[in-house]
C-alpha atoms as a PDB file:
ATOM      1  CA  MET A   1     -61.200  19.689   3.572  1.00  0.00           C
ATOM      2  CA  ALA A   2     -59.370  16.673   4.952  1.00  0.00           C
ATOM      3  CA  GLN A   3     -55.909  16.681   6.414  1.00  0.00           C
ATOM      4  CA  PHE A   4     -53.292  14.752   4.340  1.00  0.00           C
ATOM      5  CA  VAL A   5     -50.685  13.092   6.495  1.00  0.00           C
ATOM      6  CA  LYS A   6     -47.581  11.057   5.480  1.00  0.00           C
ATOM      7  CA  ILE A   7     -46.723   8.209   7.812  1.00  0.00           C
ATOM      8  CA  TYR A   8     -43.950   5.649   7.234  1.00  0.00           C
ATOM      9  CA  SER A   9     -45.001   2.070   8.090  1.00  0.00           C
ATOM     10  CA  ALA A  10     -41.466   1.077   9.057  1.00  0.00           C
ATOM     11  CA  ASN A  11     -41.375   3.676  11.848  1.00  0.00           C
ATOM     12  CA  PRO A  12     -44.676   5.482  12.339  1.00  0.00           C
ATOM     13  CA  ASN A  13     -44.271   9.048  13.815  1.00  0.00           C
ATOM     14  CA  PRO A  14     -46.221   9.119  17.157  1.00  0.00           C
ATOM     15  CA  LYS A  15     -47.315  12.740  16.507  1.00  0.00           C
ATOM     16  CA  GLU A  16     -48.904  11.742  13.243  1.00  0.00           C
ATOM     17  CA  ILE A  17     -50.540   8.689  14.834  1.00  0.00           C
ATOM     18  CA  ASP A  18     -51.967  10.984  17.575  1.00  0.00           C
ATOM     19  CA  LYS A  19     -53.511  13.209  14.896  1.00  0.00           C
ATOM     20  CA  ALA A  20     -55.373  10.264  13.426  1.00  0.00           C
ATOM     21  CA  VAL A  21     -56.507   9.158  16.853  1.00  0.00           C
ATOM     22  CA  ALA A  22     -57.740  12.682  17.689  1.00  0.00           C
ATOM     23  CA  VAL A  23     -59.797  12.735  14.502  1.00  0.00           C
ATOM     24  CA  LEU A  24     -61.376   9.399  15.343  1.00  0.00           C
ATOM     25  CA  ARG A  25     -62.142  10.423  18.907  1.00  0.00           C
ATOM     26  CA  LYS A  26     -63.992  13.480  17.597  1.00  0.00           C
ATOM     27  CA  GLY A  27     -66.183  11.237  15.387  1.00  0.00           C
ATOM     28  CA  GLY A  28     -64.152  11.887  12.248  1.00  0.00           C
ATOM     29  CA  LEU A  29     -63.554   9.575   9.256  1.00  0.00           C
ATOM     30  CA  ILE A  30     -60.052   8.519   8.165  1.00  0.00           C
ATOM     31  CA  ILE A  31     -58.675   6.806   5.143  1.00  0.00           C
ATOM     32  CA  TYR A  32     -55.716   4.549   5.991  1.00  0.00           C
ATOM     33  CA  PRO A  33     -53.331   1.951   4.557  1.00  0.00           C
ATOM     34  CA  THR A  34     -53.707  -1.752   5.317  1.00  0.00           C
ATOM     35  CA  ASP A  35     -51.805  -4.782   4.005  1.00  0.00           C
ATOM     36  CA  THR A  36     -54.335  -4.971   1.146  1.00  0.00           C
ATOM     37  CA  VAL A  37     -56.335  -1.996  -0.269  1.00  0.00           C
ATOM     38  CA  TYR A  38     -56.764   1.373   1.467  1.00  0.00           C
ATOM     39  CA  GLY A  39     -59.604   1.489   3.980  1.00  0.00           C
ATOM     40  CA  LEU A  40     -62.186   3.917   5.153  1.00  0.00           C
ATOM     41  CA  GLY A  41     -62.807   3.850   8.951  1.00  0.00           C
ATOM     42  CA  CYS A  42     -64.200   5.426  12.083  1.00  0.00           C
ATOM     43  CA  ASP A  43     -64.412   4.617  15.807  1.00  0.00           C
ATOM     44  CA  ILE A  44     -66.837   1.703  16.112  1.00  0.00           C
ATOM     45  CA  THR A  45     -68.397   3.250  19.275  1.00  0.00           C
ATOM     46  CA  ASN A  46     -69.484   6.407  17.439  1.00  0.00           C
ATOM     47  CA  THR A  47     -72.873   5.851  15.820  1.00  0.00           C
ATOM     48  CA  LYS A  48     -72.925   9.299  13.948  1.00  0.00           C
ATOM     49  CA  ALA A  49     -69.534   8.472  12.352  1.00  0.00           C
ATOM     50  CA  LEU A  50     -70.847   5.013  11.396  1.00  0.00           C
ATOM     51  CA  GLU A  51     -73.862   6.583   9.751  1.00  0.00           C
ATOM     52  CA  ARG A  52     -71.609   8.885   7.780  1.00  0.00           C
ATOM     53  CA  ILE A  53     -69.687   5.910   6.397  1.00  0.00           C
ATOM     54  CA  ALA A  54     -72.873   4.084   5.543  1.00  0.00           C
ATOM     55  CA  ARG A  55     -74.118   7.181   3.618  1.00  0.00           C
ATOM     56  CA  LEU A  56     -70.815   7.382   1.791  1.00  0.00           C
ATOM     57  CA  LYS A  57     -71.024   3.698   0.874  1.00  0.00           C
ATOM     58  CA  ASN A  58     -74.737   4.091  -0.048  1.00  0.00           C
ATOM     59  CA  VAL A  59     -75.914   1.356   2.362  1.00  0.00           C
ATOM     60  CA  LYS A  60     -78.234   1.322   5.386  1.00  0.00           C
ATOM     61  CA  LEU A  61     -76.161   1.048   8.554  1.00  0.00           C
ATOM     62  CA  ALA A  62     -78.196  -1.850   9.897  1.00  0.00           C
ATOM     63  CA  LYS A  63     -77.499  -3.882   6.742  1.00  0.00           C
ATOM     64  CA  ALA A  64     -73.869  -2.809   6.259  1.00  0.00           C
ATOM     65  CA  ASN A  65     -71.180  -5.528   6.434  1.00  0.00           C
ATOM     66  CA  PHE A  66     -68.349  -3.503   7.894  1.00  0.00           C
ATOM     67  CA  SER A  67     -65.439  -5.332   9.478  1.00  0.00           C
ATOM     68  CA  PHE A  68     -63.698  -4.430  12.736  1.00  0.00           C
ATOM     69  CA  VAL A  69     -59.907  -3.599  12.532  1.00  0.00           C
ATOM     70  CA  CYS A  70     -58.193  -4.726  15.725  1.00  0.00           C
ATOM     71  CA  ASN A  71     -54.607  -4.247  16.829  1.00  0.00           C
ATOM     72  CA  ASP A  72     -54.304  -7.909  17.840  1.00  0.00           C
ATOM     73  CA  LEU A  73     -56.527 -10.699  19.070  1.00  0.00           C
ATOM     74  CA  SER A  74     -56.930  -9.232  22.629  1.00  0.00           C
ATOM     75  CA  HIS A  75     -60.207  -7.445  21.665  1.00  0.00           C
ATOM     76  CA  LEU A  76     -61.839 -10.602  20.384  1.00  0.00           C
ATOM     77  CA  SER A  77     -63.726 -11.479  23.551  1.00  0.00           C
ATOM     78  CA  ASP A  78     -65.146  -7.963  23.640  1.00  0.00           C
ATOM     79  CA  TYR A  79     -67.268  -8.616  20.525  1.00  0.00           C
ATOM     80  CA  VAL A  80     -67.063 -12.336  19.712  1.00  0.00           C
ATOM     81  CA  LYS A  81     -68.587 -15.336  21.394  1.00  0.00           C
ATOM     82  CA  GLN A  82     -66.173 -17.843  22.822  1.00  0.00           C
ATOM     83  CA  ILE A  83     -64.480 -19.704  19.968  1.00  0.00           C
ATOM     84  CA  ASP A  84     -63.006 -23.203  20.048  1.00  0.00           C
ATOM     85  CA  THR A  85     -59.303 -24.045  20.032  1.00  0.00           C
ATOM     86  CA  ALA A  86     -59.247 -25.058  16.359  1.00  0.00           C
ATOM     87  CA  THR A  87     -60.760 -21.688  15.295  1.00  0.00           C
ATOM     88  CA  TYR A  88     -58.338 -19.814  17.502  1.00  0.00           C
ATOM     89  CA  LYS A  89     -55.310 -21.708  16.000  1.00  0.00           C
ATOM     90  CA  ILE A  90     -56.406 -20.556  12.491  1.00  0.00           C
ATOM     91  CA  LEU A  91     -56.635 -16.944  13.674  1.00  0.00           C
ATOM     92  CA  LYS A  92     -53.194 -17.156  15.245  1.00  0.00           C
ATOM     93  CA  ARG A  93     -51.698 -18.642  12.103  1.00  0.00           C
ATOM     94  CA  ALA A  94     -53.235 -16.090   9.825  1.00  0.00           C
ATOM     95  CA  LEU A  95     -53.071 -12.824  11.819  1.00  0.00           C
ATOM     96  CA  PRO A  96     -51.755 -10.193  11.407  1.00  0.00           C
ATOM     97  CA  GLY A  97     -52.438 -10.792   7.751  1.00  0.00           C
ATOM     98  CA  ALA A  98     -54.572 -10.181   4.654  1.00  0.00           C
ATOM     99  CA  TYR A  99     -57.694 -11.825   6.013  1.00  0.00           C
ATOM    100  CA  THR A 100     -61.141 -10.893   7.264  1.00  0.00           C
ATOM    101  CA  PHE A 101     -62.634 -13.618   9.536  1.00  0.00           C
ATOM    102  CA  VAL A 102     -66.380 -13.852  10.085  1.00  0.00           C
ATOM    103  CA  LEU A 103     -66.990 -14.868  13.638  1.00  0.00           C
ATOM    104  CA  PRO A 104     -70.102 -15.194  15.885  1.00  0.00           C
ATOM    105  CA  GLY A 105     -70.825 -11.800  17.529  1.00  0.00           C
ATOM    106  CA  ASN A 106     -71.741 -11.547  21.234  1.00  0.00           C
ATOM    107  CA  THR A 107     -74.108  -9.215  23.084  1.00  0.00           C
ATOM    108  CA  ASN A 108     -71.469  -6.517  23.617  1.00  0.00           C
ATOM    109  CA  LEU A 109     -71.492  -5.334  20.074  1.00  0.00           C
ATOM    110  CA  PRO A 110     -71.857  -1.537  19.675  1.00  0.00           C
ATOM    111  CA  LYS A 111     -75.412  -0.272  19.462  1.00  0.00           C
ATOM    112  CA  ALA A 112     -75.354   0.059  15.676  1.00  0.00           C
ATOM    113  CA  PHE A 113     -74.489  -3.642  15.270  1.00  0.00           C
ATOM    114  CA  LYS A 114     -76.860  -5.054  17.872  1.00  0.00           C
ATOM    115  CA  ASN A 115     -78.896  -7.035  15.323  1.00  0.00           C
ATOM    116  CA  LYS A 116     -75.792  -8.658  13.819  1.00  0.00           C
ATOM    117  CA  LYS A 117     -75.220 -12.357  14.479  1.00  0.00           C
ATOM    118  CA  THR A 118     -71.696 -12.271  13.096  1.00  0.00           C
ATOM    119  CA  VAL A 119     -68.871  -9.840  12.914  1.00  0.00           C
ATOM    120  CA  GLY A 120     -65.892  -9.548  10.509  1.00  0.00           C
ATOM    121  CA  ILE A 121     -62.526  -9.247  12.292  1.00  0.00           C
ATOM    122  CA  ARG A 122     -59.445  -7.909  10.615  1.00  0.00           C
ATOM    123  CA  VAL A 123     -55.874  -7.557  11.978  1.00  0.00           C
ATOM    124  CA  PRO A 124     -53.895  -6.124   9.047  1.00  0.00           C
ATOM    125  CA  ASP A 125     -50.193  -6.679   8.721  1.00  0.00           C
ATOM    126  CA  ASN A 126     -49.637  -2.900   8.704  1.00  0.00           C
ATOM    127  CA  THR A 127     -48.020  -1.105  11.636  1.00  0.00           C
ATOM    128  CA  ILE A 128     -49.683   2.290  10.866  1.00  0.00           C
ATOM    129  CA  ILE A 129     -53.305   1.241  11.339  1.00  0.00           C
ATOM    130  CA  ARG A 130     -52.545  -1.166  14.165  1.00  0.00           C
ATOM    131  CA  GLU A 131     -50.712   1.558  16.050  1.00  0.00           C
ATOM    132  CA  ILE A 132     -53.730   3.894  15.546  1.00  0.00           C
ATOM    133  CA  VAL A 133     -56.139   1.239  16.837  1.00  0.00           C
ATOM    134  CA  LYS A 134     -53.837   0.500  19.768  1.00  0.00           C
ATOM    135  CA  GLN A 135     -53.666   4.193  20.775  1.00  0.00           C
ATOM    136  CA  LEU A 136     -57.426   4.643  20.278  1.00  0.00           C
ATOM    137  CA  GLY A 137     -58.113   1.784  22.702  1.00  0.00           C
ATOM    138  CA  ASN A 138     -60.851  -0.002  20.688  1.00  0.00           C
ATOM    139  CA  PRO A 139     -61.328  -1.272  17.091  1.00  0.00           C
ATOM    140  CA  ILE A 140     -62.300   0.900  14.208  1.00  0.00           C
ATOM    141  CA  VAL A 141     -64.893  -0.043  11.608  1.00  0.00           C
ATOM    142  CA  SER A 142     -63.493  -0.660   8.190  1.00  0.00           C
ATOM    143  CA  SER A 143     -64.688  -0.589   4.603  1.00  0.00           C
ATOM    144  CA  SER A 144     -62.643  -0.744   1.406  1.00  0.00           C
ATOM    145  CA  ILE A 145     -62.160   2.322  -0.767  1.00  0.00           C
ATOM    146  CA  ARG A 146     -63.564   1.143  -4.067  1.00  0.00           C
ATOM    147  CA  ASP A 147     -63.195   2.948  -7.353  1.00  0.00           C
ATOM    148  CA  ASP A 148     -66.046   3.847  -9.742  1.00  0.00           C
ATOM    149  CA  ASP A 149     -63.875   2.554 -12.625  1.00  0.00           C
ATOM    150  CA  ASP A 150     -64.730  -1.106 -13.284  1.00  0.00           C
ATOM    151  CA  VAL A 151     -61.239  -1.849 -14.534  1.00  0.00           C
ATOM    152  CA  ILE A 152     -59.375  -0.216 -11.657  1.00  0.00           C
ATOM    153  CA  GLU A 153     -61.461  -1.488  -8.733  1.00  0.00           C
ATOM    154  CA  TYR A 154     -59.201  -0.056  -6.042  1.00  0.00           C
ATOM    155  CA  THR A 155     -57.172   3.177  -6.233  1.00  0.00           C
ATOM    156  CA  THR A 156     -53.667   2.528  -4.971  1.00  0.00           C
ATOM    157  CA  ASP A 157     -52.134   6.051  -5.051  1.00  0.00           C
ATOM    158  CA  PRO A 158     -52.787   7.970  -1.800  1.00  0.00           C
ATOM    159  CA  GLU A 159     -52.640  11.368  -3.596  1.00  0.00           C
ATOM    160  CA  LEU A 160     -55.369  10.284  -5.968  1.00  0.00           C
ATOM    161  CA  ILE A 161     -57.361   8.928  -3.028  1.00  0.00           C
ATOM    162  CA  PHE A 162     -56.991  12.304  -1.298  1.00  0.00           C
ATOM    163  CA  GLU A 163     -58.141  14.127  -4.465  1.00  0.00           C
ATOM    164  CA  LYS A 164     -61.294  12.039  -4.637  1.00  0.00           C
ATOM    165  CA  TRP A 165     -62.178  11.833  -0.916  1.00  0.00           C
ATOM    166  CA  GLN A 166     -60.856  15.055   0.614  1.00  0.00           C
ATOM    167  CA  ARG A 167     -64.363  16.604   0.893  1.00  0.00           C
ATOM    168  CA  HIS A 168     -65.934  13.424   2.337  1.00  0.00           C
ATOM    169  CA  VAL A 169     -63.500  12.510   5.114  1.00  0.00           C
ATOM    170  CA  ASP A 170     -61.431  14.238   7.804  1.00  0.00           C
ATOM    171  CA  LEU A 171     -58.000  12.719   7.305  1.00  0.00           C
ATOM    172  CA  VAL A 172     -56.199  10.722   4.596  1.00  0.00           C
ATOM    173  CA  ILE A 173     -53.014   8.894   5.548  1.00  0.00           C
ATOM    174  CA  ASP A 174     -50.331   8.463   2.888  1.00  0.00           C
ATOM    175  CA  GLY A 175     -48.719   5.218   3.883  1.00  0.00           C
ATOM    176  CA  GLY A 176     -47.261   4.591   0.424  1.00  0.00           C
ATOM    177  CA  TYR A 177     -48.861   2.874  -2.496  1.00  0.00           C
ATOM    178  CA  GLY A 178     -51.607   0.437  -1.511  1.00  0.00           C
ATOM    179  CA  GLY A 179     -52.473  -2.933  -3.075  1.00  0.00           C
ATOM    180  CA  ASN A 180     -55.387  -3.671  -5.349  1.00  0.00           C
ATOM    181  CA  ILE A 181     -56.277  -7.119  -4.176  1.00  0.00           C
ATOM    182  CA  PRO A 182     -58.683  -7.156  -1.156  1.00  0.00           C
ATOM    183  CA  SER A 183     -58.462  -9.392   1.908  1.00  0.00           C
ATOM    184  CA  THR A 184     -59.484 -13.058   1.814  1.00  0.00           C
ATOM    185  CA  VAL A 185     -62.774 -13.418   3.674  1.00  0.00           C
ATOM    186  CA  ILE A 186     -63.302 -16.656   5.559  1.00  0.00           C
ATOM    187  CA  ASP A 187     -66.426 -17.542   7.584  1.00  0.00           C
ATOM    188  CA  LEU A 188     -65.583 -19.387  10.816  1.00  0.00           C
ATOM    189  CA  SER A 189     -68.958 -18.781  12.450  1.00  0.00           C
ATOM    190  CA  GLN A 190     -70.450 -22.179  11.495  1.00  0.00           C
ATOM    191  CA  ASP A 191     -69.220 -25.748  11.906  1.00  0.00           C
ATOM    192  CA  GLU A 192     -68.195 -25.821   8.207  1.00  0.00           C
ATOM    193  CA  ILE A 193     -65.514 -23.361   7.196  1.00  0.00           C
ATOM    194  CA  GLU A 194     -66.579 -21.297   4.224  1.00  0.00           C
ATOM    195  CA  VAL A 195     -64.305 -19.172   1.990  1.00  0.00           C
ATOM    196  CA  ILE A 196     -66.539 -16.191   0.988  1.00  0.00           C
ATOM    197  CA  ARG A 197     -63.943 -14.421  -1.038  1.00  0.00           C
ATOM    198  CA  GLU A 198     -60.418 -15.477  -2.069  1.00  0.00           C
ATOM    199  CA  GLY A 199     -58.220 -12.449  -2.037  1.00  0.00           C
ATOM    200  CA  LYS A 200     -54.639 -11.698  -1.077  1.00  0.00           C
ATOM    201  CA  GLY A 201     -54.481 -14.015   1.934  1.00  0.00           C
ATOM    202  CA  SER A 202     -53.450 -17.639   1.048  1.00  0.00           C
ATOM    203  CA  LEU A 203     -55.811 -20.462   1.900  1.00  0.00           C
ATOM    204  CA  ASP A 204     -52.875 -22.603   3.153  1.00  0.00           C
ATOM    205  CA  ILE A 205     -53.687 -21.434   6.696  1.00  0.00           C
ATOM    206  CA  LEU A 206     -56.869 -23.623   6.761  1.00  0.00           C
END
């Protein structure tokens, strides 16, 4: 049974943040708020935890398109090839924000992602998850919590999320009601910019 923890985004309680970090360090899965929909995540360096998420999402880990949630852009060079100034300016304009940027991955990607040529980078405008990632010391992998209901694609109520996921994950964070519009996904890995999915993030940043 998962823990259920209330954290206020305006002033996250360090003790509650530490609880989430401890779960991640032990290879646990957490559900957390972002600036869009609630996310399901684990430490990107823990292959067993990554495999658990892949099973929950019913995908093969090698083929999964998980994004990396970072605290800021300082982790970019750990996993992304050097990017040009124009690309960096777009990232600086957009982040933190409701975007996932697809960027060229480098050779330092964690073992589970070694065959990936690109990586999705996310810096949500949400203090709770950014503080967790900061304390953890490296990004977490992220996947949206989708709903089985075709009409309500994303559950926004943390208590309902807990009800559904409590036996599958180790900790659910109640950070208030979530959104139901996912992030805007933009591919910056090629010469031509490609909008893969228009979501909450405005395209005015391009």
